[in-house]
């Protein structure tokens, strides 16, 4: 069964010191396909709140499950989000997280590949500014043989913001012919931001192909010069480069309406940064 379009779930925090505990459970049957988008937003810019969210996503045989989380809380709200996904034989799970809001956010993402031929794609874009801090923890667990996973996280940091990435690929003893990748890239837009990355591998099987890595860099002067020579002002040039840094992650969603939606939130965050807002 294929559910056309997208299922949208909206979580709002309204009022000072409000705490919410959203829980999303999605289970797909044989040969099914579904896409779910969750929004996390605040009703105003001044009221502090807390969200503790849990997602339990289970993909049945030969099914496709796409999940997107857009976190755009105000900058006095905190969130802990735990995402657990499992994929059985020939199932495909795609997870994407966008972090633009909250003063502090912790994302824990576990992808468990339990059946032969199962696939997992783990994607994230984070754009912290001012004093925002994002803590990202991931676990790609290959249980069965012949499974595939790919993780790509990109963080663009401004002002005094901070990111932490800690990821592990684990290949169990019988998970031969595993194909797994893990990449975290950080674009540093100031001299005072901080990006910490700790990728890791734990391989207990033979005949596997695994790689992991992390990079942190600033915009090169030649890139700025190229755009300035074409009449683009320095502020816009930096924002264009930062936007392009995130676009290739968004493009891997593989659905134009969803990509346009995510890019709208990304552009809104860049506009707030440029104007000196949150």
C-alpha atoms as a PDB file:
ATOM      1  CA  UNK A   1       0.000   0.000   0.000  1.00  0.00           C
ATOM      2  CA  UNK A   2       1.306   3.460  -0.886  1.00  0.00           C
ATOM      3  CA  UNK A   3      -0.025   6.504   0.950  1.00  0.00           C
ATOM      4  CA  UNK A   4      -0.009   9.401  -1.543  1.00  0.00           C
ATOM      5  CA  UNK A   5       1.340  12.777  -0.502  1.00  0.00           C
ATOM      6  CA  UNK A   6       2.694  13.415   2.965  1.00  0.00           C
ATOM      7  CA  UNK A   7       1.433  12.924   6.506  1.00  0.00           C
ATOM      8  CA  UNK A   8       2.099  16.091   8.538  1.00  0.00           C
ATOM      9  CA  UNK A   9       2.258  16.228  12.332  1.00  0.00           C
ATOM     10  CA  UNK A  10       2.520  19.603  14.115  1.00  0.00           C
ATOM     11  CA  UNK A  11       3.750  20.084  17.693  1.00  0.00           C
ATOM     12  CA  UNK A  12       3.405  23.536  19.244  1.00  0.00           C
ATOM     13  CA  UNK A  13       4.645  24.875  22.566  1.00  0.00           C
ATOM     14  CA  UNK A  14       2.448  27.669  23.900  1.00  0.00           C
ATOM     15  CA  UNK A  15       2.843  29.440  27.231  1.00  0.00           C
ATOM     16  CA  UNK A  16       5.777  29.817  29.594  1.00  0.00           C
ATOM     17  CA  UNK A  17       7.518  26.695  30.970  1.00  0.00           C
ATOM     18  CA  UNK A  18       5.324  24.333  28.982  1.00  0.00           C
ATOM     19  CA  UNK A  19       6.573  20.749  28.650  1.00  0.00           C
ATOM     20  CA  UNK A  20       5.402  18.413  25.888  1.00  0.00           C
ATOM     21  CA  UNK A  21       6.114  14.708  25.299  1.00  0.00           C
ATOM     22  CA  UNK A  22       5.270  13.912  21.655  1.00  0.00           C
ATOM     23  CA  UNK A  23       5.505  10.261  20.604  1.00  0.00           C
ATOM     24  CA  UNK A  24       5.271   9.121  16.989  1.00  0.00           C
ATOM     25  CA  UNK A  25       4.871   5.473  16.017  1.00  0.00           C
ATOM     26  CA  UNK A  26       4.982   4.437  12.357  1.00  0.00           C
ATOM     27  CA  UNK A  27       4.901   0.809  11.215  1.00  0.00           C
ATOM     28  CA  UNK A  28       4.859  -0.048   7.515  1.00  0.00           C
ATOM     29  CA  UNK A  29       3.578  -3.335   6.115  1.00  0.00           C
ATOM     30  CA  UNK A  30       4.843  -5.353   3.181  1.00  0.00           C
ATOM     31  CA  UNK A  31       5.524  -3.397  -0.029  1.00  0.00           C
ATOM     32  CA  UNK A  32       4.171  -0.155   1.452  1.00  0.00           C
ATOM     33  CA  UNK A  33       5.395   3.431   1.156  1.00  0.00           C
ATOM     34  CA  UNK A  34       4.827   6.458   3.403  1.00  0.00           C
ATOM     35  CA  UNK A  35       6.350   9.872   4.126  1.00  0.00           C
ATOM     36  CA  UNK A  36       5.910  11.643   7.485  1.00  0.00           C
ATOM     37  CA  UNK A  37       6.931  15.224   8.328  1.00  0.00           C
ATOM     38  CA  UNK A  38       6.935  16.479  11.927  1.00  0.00           C
ATOM     39  CA  UNK A  39       7.100  20.168  12.824  1.00  0.00           C
ATOM     40  CA  UNK A  40       8.286  21.457  16.218  1.00  0.00           C
ATOM     41  CA  UNK A  41       7.473  25.157  16.730  1.00  0.00           C
ATOM     42  CA  UNK A  42       6.777  27.772  19.392  1.00  0.00           C
ATOM     43  CA  UNK A  43       3.688  29.961  19.551  1.00  0.00           C
ATOM     44  CA  UNK A  44       5.834  33.009  20.457  1.00  0.00           C
ATOM     45  CA  UNK A  45       9.482  34.037  20.681  1.00  0.00           C
ATOM     46  CA  UNK A  46       9.744  34.708  24.414  1.00  0.00           C
ATOM     47  CA  UNK A  47       8.183  31.799  26.337  1.00  0.00           C
ATOM     48  CA  UNK A  48      10.628  29.072  27.429  1.00  0.00           C
ATOM     49  CA  UNK A  49       9.598  25.459  27.030  1.00  0.00           C
ATOM     50  CA  UNK A  50      10.824  21.884  26.889  1.00  0.00           C
ATOM     51  CA  UNK A  51      10.055  19.084  24.439  1.00  0.00           C
ATOM     52  CA  UNK A  52      11.001  15.445  24.974  1.00  0.00           C
ATOM     53  CA  UNK A  53      10.125  13.666  21.745  1.00  0.00           C
ATOM     54  CA  UNK A  54      10.381   9.989  20.830  1.00  0.00           C
ATOM     55  CA  UNK A  55       9.931   8.418  17.400  1.00  0.00           C
ATOM     56  CA  UNK A  56       9.585   4.690  16.813  1.00  0.00           C
ATOM     57  CA  UNK A  57       9.788   3.885  13.097  1.00  0.00           C
ATOM     58  CA  UNK A  58       9.601   0.298  11.836  1.00  0.00           C
ATOM     59  CA  UNK A  59       9.839  -0.549   8.136  1.00  0.00           C
ATOM     60  CA  UNK A  60       8.366  -3.875   7.053  1.00  0.00           C
ATOM     61  CA  UNK A  61       9.659  -6.094   4.219  1.00  0.00           C
ATOM     62  CA  UNK A  62      10.265  -4.295   0.928  1.00  0.00           C
ATOM     63  CA  UNK A  63       8.699  -1.077   2.243  1.00  0.00           C
ATOM     64  CA  UNK A  64       9.887   2.529   2.100  1.00  0.00           C
ATOM     65  CA  UNK A  65       9.589   4.855   5.088  1.00  0.00           C
ATOM     66  CA  UNK A  66      10.649   8.509   4.853  1.00  0.00           C
ATOM     67  CA  UNK A  67      10.703  10.667   7.977  1.00  0.00           C
ATOM     68  CA  UNK A  68      11.478  14.394   8.212  1.00  0.00           C
ATOM     69  CA  UNK A  69      11.710  16.458  11.420  1.00  0.00           C
ATOM     70  CA  UNK A  70      11.779  20.268  11.248  1.00  0.00           C
ATOM     71  CA  UNK A  71      12.779  21.802  14.589  1.00  0.00           C
ATOM     72  CA  UNK A  72      12.165  25.559  14.657  1.00  0.00           C
ATOM     73  CA  UNK A  73      11.433  26.338  18.322  1.00  0.00           C
ATOM     74  CA  UNK A  74      12.208  29.771  19.756  1.00  0.00           C
ATOM     75  CA  UNK A  75      15.672  30.298  21.241  1.00  0.00           C
ATOM     76  CA  UNK A  76      14.610  29.890  24.874  1.00  0.00           C
ATOM     77  CA  UNK A  77      13.203  26.380  24.382  1.00  0.00           C
ATOM     78  CA  UNK A  78      15.083  23.093  24.756  1.00  0.00           C
ATOM     79  CA  UNK A  79      14.429  19.754  23.075  1.00  0.00           C
ATOM     80  CA  UNK A  80      15.537  16.146  23.435  1.00  0.00           C
ATOM     81  CA  UNK A  81      14.585  14.041  20.421  1.00  0.00           C
ATOM     82  CA  UNK A  82      15.145  10.288  20.205  1.00  0.00           C
ATOM     83  CA  UNK A  83      14.659   8.564  16.855  1.00  0.00           C
ATOM     84  CA  UNK A  84      14.707   4.772  16.670  1.00  0.00           C
ATOM     85  CA  UNK A  85      14.294   3.103  13.299  1.00  0.00           C
ATOM     86  CA  UNK A  86      14.409  -0.531  12.256  1.00  0.00           C
ATOM     87  CA  UNK A  87      14.418  -2.044   8.784  1.00  0.00           C
ATOM     88  CA  UNK A  88      13.648  -5.643   7.855  1.00  0.00           C
ATOM     89  CA  UNK A  89      14.384  -7.492   4.586  1.00  0.00           C
ATOM     90  CA  UNK A  90      14.752  -5.160   1.578  1.00  0.00           C
ATOM     91  CA  UNK A  91      13.219  -2.239   3.482  1.00  0.00           C
ATOM     92  CA  UNK A  92      14.410   1.319   3.028  1.00  0.00           C
ATOM     93  CA  UNK A  93      14.347   3.991   5.746  1.00  0.00           C
ATOM     94  CA  UNK A  94      15.249   7.625   5.182  1.00  0.00           C
ATOM     95  CA  UNK A  95      15.488  10.041   8.108  1.00  0.00           C
ATOM     96  CA  UNK A  96      16.153  13.780   7.933  1.00  0.00           C
ATOM     97  CA  UNK A  97      16.446  16.314  10.785  1.00  0.00           C
ATOM     98  CA  UNK A  98      16.597  20.093  10.394  1.00  0.00           C
ATOM     99  CA  UNK A  99      17.658  22.112  13.425  1.00  0.00           C
ATOM    100  CA  UNK A 100      17.249  25.880  13.227  1.00  0.00           C
ATOM    101  CA  UNK A 101      15.630  26.746  16.574  1.00  0.00           C
ATOM    102  CA  UNK A 102      15.910  26.003  20.322  1.00  0.00           C
ATOM    103  CA  UNK A 103      18.608  27.190  22.701  1.00  0.00           C
ATOM    104  CA  UNK A 104      19.802  23.592  23.116  1.00  0.00           C
ATOM    105  CA  UNK A 105      18.843  20.476  21.198  1.00  0.00           C
ATOM    106  CA  UNK A 106      19.955  16.886  21.595  1.00  0.00           C
ATOM    107  CA  UNK A 107      19.213  14.385  18.842  1.00  0.00           C
ATOM    108  CA  UNK A 108      19.802  10.667  19.381  1.00  0.00           C
ATOM    109  CA  UNK A 109      19.298   8.665  16.186  1.00  0.00           C
ATOM    110  CA  UNK A 110      19.516   4.883  16.091  1.00  0.00           C
ATOM    111  CA  UNK A 111      19.140   2.970  12.849  1.00  0.00           C
ATOM    112  CA  UNK A 112      18.974  -0.821  13.160  1.00  0.00           C
ATOM    113  CA  UNK A 113      19.307  -2.883   9.966  1.00  0.00           C
ATOM    114  CA  UNK A 114      17.788  -6.234  10.830  1.00  0.00           C
ATOM    115  CA  UNK A 115      17.080  -7.833   7.436  1.00  0.00           C
ATOM    116  CA  UNK A 116      19.173  -8.680   4.390  1.00  0.00           C
ATOM    117  CA  UNK A 117      19.016  -5.982   1.731  1.00  0.00           C
ATOM    118  CA  UNK A 118      17.772  -3.304   4.142  1.00  0.00           C
ATOM    119  CA  UNK A 119      18.942   0.279   3.641  1.00  0.00           C
ATOM    120  CA  UNK A 120      19.192   3.331   5.878  1.00  0.00           C
ATOM    121  CA  UNK A 121      19.870   6.945   4.938  1.00  0.00           C
ATOM    122  CA  UNK A 122      20.476   9.320   7.859  1.00  0.00           C
ATOM    123  CA  UNK A 123      20.561  13.033   7.013  1.00  0.00           C
ATOM    124  CA  UNK A 124      20.711  16.241   9.036  1.00  0.00           C
ATOM    125  CA  UNK A 125      21.220  19.961   8.566  1.00  0.00           C
ATOM    126  CA  UNK A 126      21.853  22.264  11.535  1.00  0.00           C
ATOM    127  CA  UNK A 127      22.256  26.054  11.487  1.00  0.00           C
ATOM    128  CA  UNK A 128      23.047  27.280  15.013  1.00  0.00           C
ATOM    129  CA  UNK A 129      23.712  30.967  15.696  1.00  0.00           C
ATOM    130  CA  UNK A 130      24.360  33.201  18.685  1.00  0.00           C
ATOM    131  CA  UNK A 131      24.550  30.875  21.732  1.00  0.00           C
ATOM    132  CA  UNK A 132      22.655  27.875  20.321  1.00  0.00           C
ATOM    133  CA  UNK A 133      24.052  24.395  20.977  1.00  0.00           C
ATOM    134  CA  UNK A 134      23.182  21.199  19.098  1.00  0.00           C
ATOM    135  CA  UNK A 135      24.252  17.779  20.381  1.00  0.00           C
ATOM    136  CA  UNK A 136      23.996  14.982  17.786  1.00  0.00           C
ATOM    137  CA  UNK A 137      24.457  11.289  18.660  1.00  0.00           C
ATOM    138  CA  UNK A 138      24.032   8.561  16.033  1.00  0.00           C
ATOM    139  CA  UNK A 139      24.238   4.772  15.903  1.00  0.00           C
ATOM    140  CA  UNK A 140      24.195   2.745  12.676  1.00  0.00           C
ATOM    141  CA  UNK A 141      23.704  -0.859  13.789  1.00  0.00           C
ATOM    142  CA  UNK A 142      24.170  -3.532  11.094  1.00  0.00           C
ATOM    143  CA  UNK A 143      22.665  -6.752  12.404  1.00  0.00           C
ATOM    144  CA  UNK A 144      22.057  -8.725   9.191  1.00  0.00           C
ATOM    145  CA  UNK A 145      24.311  -9.468   6.232  1.00  0.00           C
ATOM    146  CA  UNK A 146      24.110  -7.492   3.004  1.00  0.00           C
ATOM    147  CA  UNK A 147      22.868  -4.221   4.507  1.00  0.00           C
ATOM    148  CA  UNK A 148      23.628  -0.592   3.612  1.00  0.00           C
ATOM    149  CA  UNK A 149      23.684   2.659   5.554  1.00  0.00           C
ATOM    150  CA  UNK A 150      24.826   6.181   4.754  1.00  0.00           C
ATOM    151  CA  UNK A 151      24.952   9.131   7.151  1.00  0.00           C
ATOM    152  CA  UNK A 152      25.545  12.740   6.099  1.00  0.00           C
ATOM    153  CA  UNK A 153      25.319  15.546   8.677  1.00  0.00           C
ATOM    154  CA  UNK A 154      26.151  19.162   7.844  1.00  0.00           C
ATOM    155  CA  UNK A 155      26.384  21.973  10.394  1.00  0.00           C
ATOM    156  CA  UNK A 156      26.769  25.682   9.620  1.00  0.00           C
ATOM    157  CA  UNK A 157      27.825  27.547  12.762  1.00  0.00           C
ATOM    158  CA  UNK A 158      27.622  31.279  13.501  1.00  0.00           C
ATOM    159  CA  UNK A 159      28.605  33.564  16.399  1.00  0.00           C
ATOM    160  CA  UNK A 160      29.260  31.620  19.644  1.00  0.00           C
ATOM    161  CA  UNK A 161      27.269  28.544  18.721  1.00  0.00           C
ATOM    162  CA  UNK A 162      28.413  24.979  19.325  1.00  0.00           C
ATOM    163  CA  UNK A 163      27.809  21.531  17.840  1.00  0.00           C
ATOM    164  CA  UNK A 164      28.727  18.077  19.067  1.00  0.00           C
ATOM    165  CA  UNK A 165      28.634  15.034  16.821  1.00  0.00           C
ATOM    166  CA  UNK A 166      29.300  11.538  18.128  1.00  0.00           C
ATOM    167  CA  UNK A 167      28.546   8.695  15.718  1.00  0.00           C
ATOM    168  CA  UNK A 168      29.196   4.968  15.686  1.00  0.00           C
ATOM    169  CA  UNK A 169      28.883   2.345  12.970  1.00  0.00           C
ATOM    170  CA  UNK A 170      28.616  -1.123  14.484  1.00  0.00           C
ATOM    171  CA  UNK A 171      28.786  -4.254  12.339  1.00  0.00           C
ATOM    172  CA  UNK A 172      27.720  -7.438  14.142  1.00  0.00           C
ATOM    173  CA  UNK A 173      29.541 -10.744  13.809  1.00  0.00           C
ATOM    174  CA  UNK A 174      27.233 -12.199  11.149  1.00  0.00           C
ATOM    175  CA  UNK A 175      26.668  -8.957   9.216  1.00  0.00           C
ATOM    176  CA  UNK A 176      29.005  -9.778   6.333  1.00  0.00           C
ATOM    177  CA  UNK A 177      29.003  -7.675   3.140  1.00  0.00           C
ATOM    178  CA  UNK A 178      27.934  -4.592   5.057  1.00  0.00           C
ATOM    179  CA  UNK A 179      28.285  -1.285   3.208  1.00  0.00           C
ATOM    180  CA  UNK A 180      28.305   1.696   5.595  1.00  0.00           C
ATOM    181  CA  UNK A 181      29.361   5.335   5.456  1.00  0.00           C
ATOM    182  CA  UNK A 182      29.386   8.173   7.967  1.00  0.00           C
ATOM    183  CA  UNK A 183      30.273  11.809   7.261  1.00  0.00           C
ATOM    184  CA  UNK A 184      29.954  14.943   9.383  1.00  0.00           C
ATOM    185  CA  UNK A 185      30.962  18.295   7.892  1.00  0.00           C
ATOM    186  CA  UNK A 186      31.090  21.615   9.695  1.00  0.00           C
ATOM    187  CA  UNK A 187      31.216  25.074   8.120  1.00  0.00           C
ATOM    188  CA  UNK A 188      32.545  27.637  10.603  1.00  0.00           C
ATOM    189  CA  UNK A 189      31.128  31.106   9.918  1.00  0.00           C
ATOM    190  CA  UNK A 190      32.873  32.824  12.842  1.00  0.00           C
ATOM    191  CA  UNK A 191      36.106  32.577  14.837  1.00  0.00           C
ATOM    192  CA  UNK A 192      34.247  31.919  18.089  1.00  0.00           C
ATOM    193  CA  UNK A 193      31.977  29.008  17.169  1.00  0.00           C
ATOM    194  CA  UNK A 194      32.920  25.462  18.150  1.00  0.00           C
ATOM    195  CA  UNK A 195      32.394  22.147  16.334  1.00  0.00           C
ATOM    196  CA  UNK A 196      33.301  18.827  17.979  1.00  0.00           C
ATOM    197  CA  UNK A 197      33.117  15.580  16.003  1.00  0.00           C
ATOM    198  CA  UNK A 198      33.788  12.015  17.142  1.00  0.00           C
ATOM    199  CA  UNK A 199      33.022   9.440  14.417  1.00  0.00           C
ATOM    200  CA  UNK A 200      33.722   5.778  15.140  1.00  0.00           C
ATOM    201  CA  UNK A 201      33.677   2.220  13.790  1.00  0.00           C
ATOM    202  CA  UNK A 202      33.191  -1.154  15.478  1.00  0.00           C
ATOM    203  CA  UNK A 203      33.536  -3.976  12.957  1.00  0.00           C
ATOM    204  CA  UNK A 204      33.034  -7.606  13.968  1.00  0.00           C
ATOM    205  CA  UNK A 205      32.523  -9.209  10.532  1.00  0.00           C
ATOM    206  CA  UNK A 206      34.511  -9.923   7.388  1.00  0.00           C
ATOM    207  CA  UNK A 207      34.065  -8.642   3.853  1.00  0.00           C
ATOM    208  CA  UNK A 208      32.670  -5.248   4.813  1.00  0.00           C
ATOM    209  CA  UNK A 209      33.109  -1.779   3.336  1.00  0.00           C
ATOM    210  CA  UNK A 210      32.931   0.970   5.953  1.00  0.00           C
ATOM    211  CA  UNK A 211      34.245   4.506   6.173  1.00  0.00           C
ATOM    212  CA  UNK A 212      33.816   7.456   8.497  1.00  0.00           C
ATOM    213  CA  UNK A 213      35.129  10.980   8.684  1.00  0.00           C
ATOM    214  CA  UNK A 214      34.615  14.555   9.753  1.00  0.00           C
ATOM    215  CA  UNK A 215      35.770  17.948   8.486  1.00  0.00           C
ATOM    216  CA  UNK A 216      35.616  21.487   9.859  1.00  0.00           C
ATOM    217  CA  UNK A 217      36.507  24.483   7.722  1.00  0.00           C
ATOM    218  CA  UNK A 218      35.808  28.135   7.033  1.00  0.00           C
ATOM    219  CA  UNK A 219      34.814  29.791   3.766  1.00  0.00           C
ATOM    220  CA  UNK A 220      37.844  30.234   1.539  1.00  0.00           C
ATOM    221  CA  UNK A 221      38.760  33.770   0.472  1.00  0.00           C
ATOM    222  CA  UNK A 222      38.783  32.697  -3.182  1.00  0.00           C
ATOM    223  CA  UNK A 223      35.108  31.726  -2.967  1.00  0.00           C
ATOM    224  CA  UNK A 224      34.182  35.147  -1.599  1.00  0.00           C
ATOM    225  CA  UNK A 225      36.324  36.893  -4.216  1.00  0.00           C
ATOM    226  CA  UNK A 226      34.636  34.957  -7.026  1.00  0.00           C
ATOM    227  CA  UNK A 227      31.174  36.150  -5.950  1.00  0.00           C
ATOM    228  CA  UNK A 228      32.320  39.714  -5.232  1.00  0.00           C
ATOM    229  CA  UNK A 229      33.747  39.943  -8.754  1.00  0.00           C
ATOM    230  CA  UNK A 230      30.237  39.267 -10.038  1.00  0.00           C
ATOM    231  CA  UNK A 231      28.661  42.112  -8.140  1.00  0.00           C
ATOM    232  CA  UNK A 232      27.410  40.221  -5.075  1.00  0.00           C
ATOM    233  CA  UNK A 233      27.891  42.006  -1.753  1.00  0.00           C
ATOM    234  CA  UNK A 234      30.011  40.296   0.954  1.00  0.00           C
ATOM    235  CA  UNK A 235      27.101  39.408   3.271  1.00  0.00           C
ATOM    236  CA  UNK A 236      25.036  37.864   0.476  1.00  0.00           C
ATOM    237  CA  UNK A 237      28.098  36.031  -0.828  1.00  0.00           C
ATOM    238  CA  UNK A 238      28.689  34.335   2.507  1.00  0.00           C
ATOM    239  CA  UNK A 239      25.038  33.373   2.820  1.00  0.00           C
ATOM    240  CA  UNK A 240      24.941  31.933  -0.693  1.00  0.00           C
ATOM    241  CA  UNK A 241      27.940  29.738   0.092  1.00  0.00           C
ATOM    242  CA  UNK A 242      26.419  28.647   3.405  1.00  0.00           C
ATOM    243  CA  UNK A 243      23.111  27.814   1.726  1.00  0.00           C
ATOM    244  CA  UNK A 244      24.857  25.815  -0.984  1.00  0.00           C
ATOM    245  CA  UNK A 245      26.710  23.885   1.722  1.00  0.00           C
ATOM    246  CA  UNK A 246      23.356  22.518   2.969  1.00  0.00           C
ATOM    247  CA  UNK A 247      21.543  22.068  -0.337  1.00  0.00           C
ATOM    248  CA  UNK A 248      23.150  18.765  -1.337  1.00  0.00           C
ATOM    249  CA  UNK A 249      21.873  17.149   1.877  1.00  0.00           C
ATOM    250  CA  UNK A 250      18.347  18.418   1.212  1.00  0.00           C
ATOM    251  CA  UNK A 251      18.511  17.168  -2.387  1.00  0.00           C
ATOM    252  CA  UNK A 252      18.917  13.614  -1.113  1.00  0.00           C
ATOM    253  CA  UNK A 253      15.341  13.700   0.183  1.00  0.00           C
ATOM    254  CA  UNK A 254      14.281  12.869  -3.373  1.00  0.00           C
ATOM    255  CA  UNK A 255      10.927  14.676  -3.242  1.00  0.00           C
ATOM    256  CA  UNK A 256      10.615  18.192  -4.656  1.00  0.00           C
ATOM    257  CA  UNK A 257       7.758  19.476  -2.439  1.00  0.00           C
ATOM    258  CA  UNK A 258       9.544  18.251   0.697  1.00  0.00           C
ATOM    259  CA  UNK A 259      12.845  19.742  -0.432  1.00  0.00           C
ATOM    260  CA  UNK A 260      11.157  23.100  -1.107  1.00  0.00           C
ATOM    261  CA  UNK A 261       9.572  23.035   2.349  1.00  0.00           C
ATOM    262  CA  UNK A 262      12.877  22.339   4.092  1.00  0.00           C
ATOM    263  CA  UNK A 263      14.676  25.003   2.069  1.00  0.00           C
ATOM    264  CA  UNK A 264      12.040  27.544   3.088  1.00  0.00           C
ATOM    265  CA  UNK A 265      12.888  27.009   6.763  1.00  0.00           C
ATOM    266  CA  UNK A 266      16.616  27.152   5.963  1.00  0.00           C
ATOM    267  CA  UNK A 267      16.191  30.440   4.091  1.00  0.00           C
ATOM    268  CA  UNK A 268      14.146  31.880   6.967  1.00  0.00           C
ATOM    269  CA  UNK A 269      16.961  31.076   9.390  1.00  0.00           C
ATOM    270  CA  UNK A 270      19.572  32.670   7.143  1.00  0.00           C
ATOM    271  CA  UNK A 271      17.351  35.760   6.806  1.00  0.00           C
ATOM    272  CA  UNK A 272      17.122  36.047  10.619  1.00  0.00           C
ATOM    273  CA  UNK A 273      20.905  35.741  10.919  1.00  0.00           C
ATOM    274  CA  UNK A 274      21.490  38.407   8.263  1.00  0.00           C
ATOM    275  CA  UNK A 275      19.014  40.791   9.890  1.00  0.00           C
ATOM    276  CA  UNK A 276      20.529  40.238  13.338  1.00  0.00           C
ATOM    277  CA  UNK A 277      17.507  38.352  14.655  1.00  0.00           C
ATOM    278  CA  UNK A 278      17.263  34.914  16.249  1.00  0.00           C
END
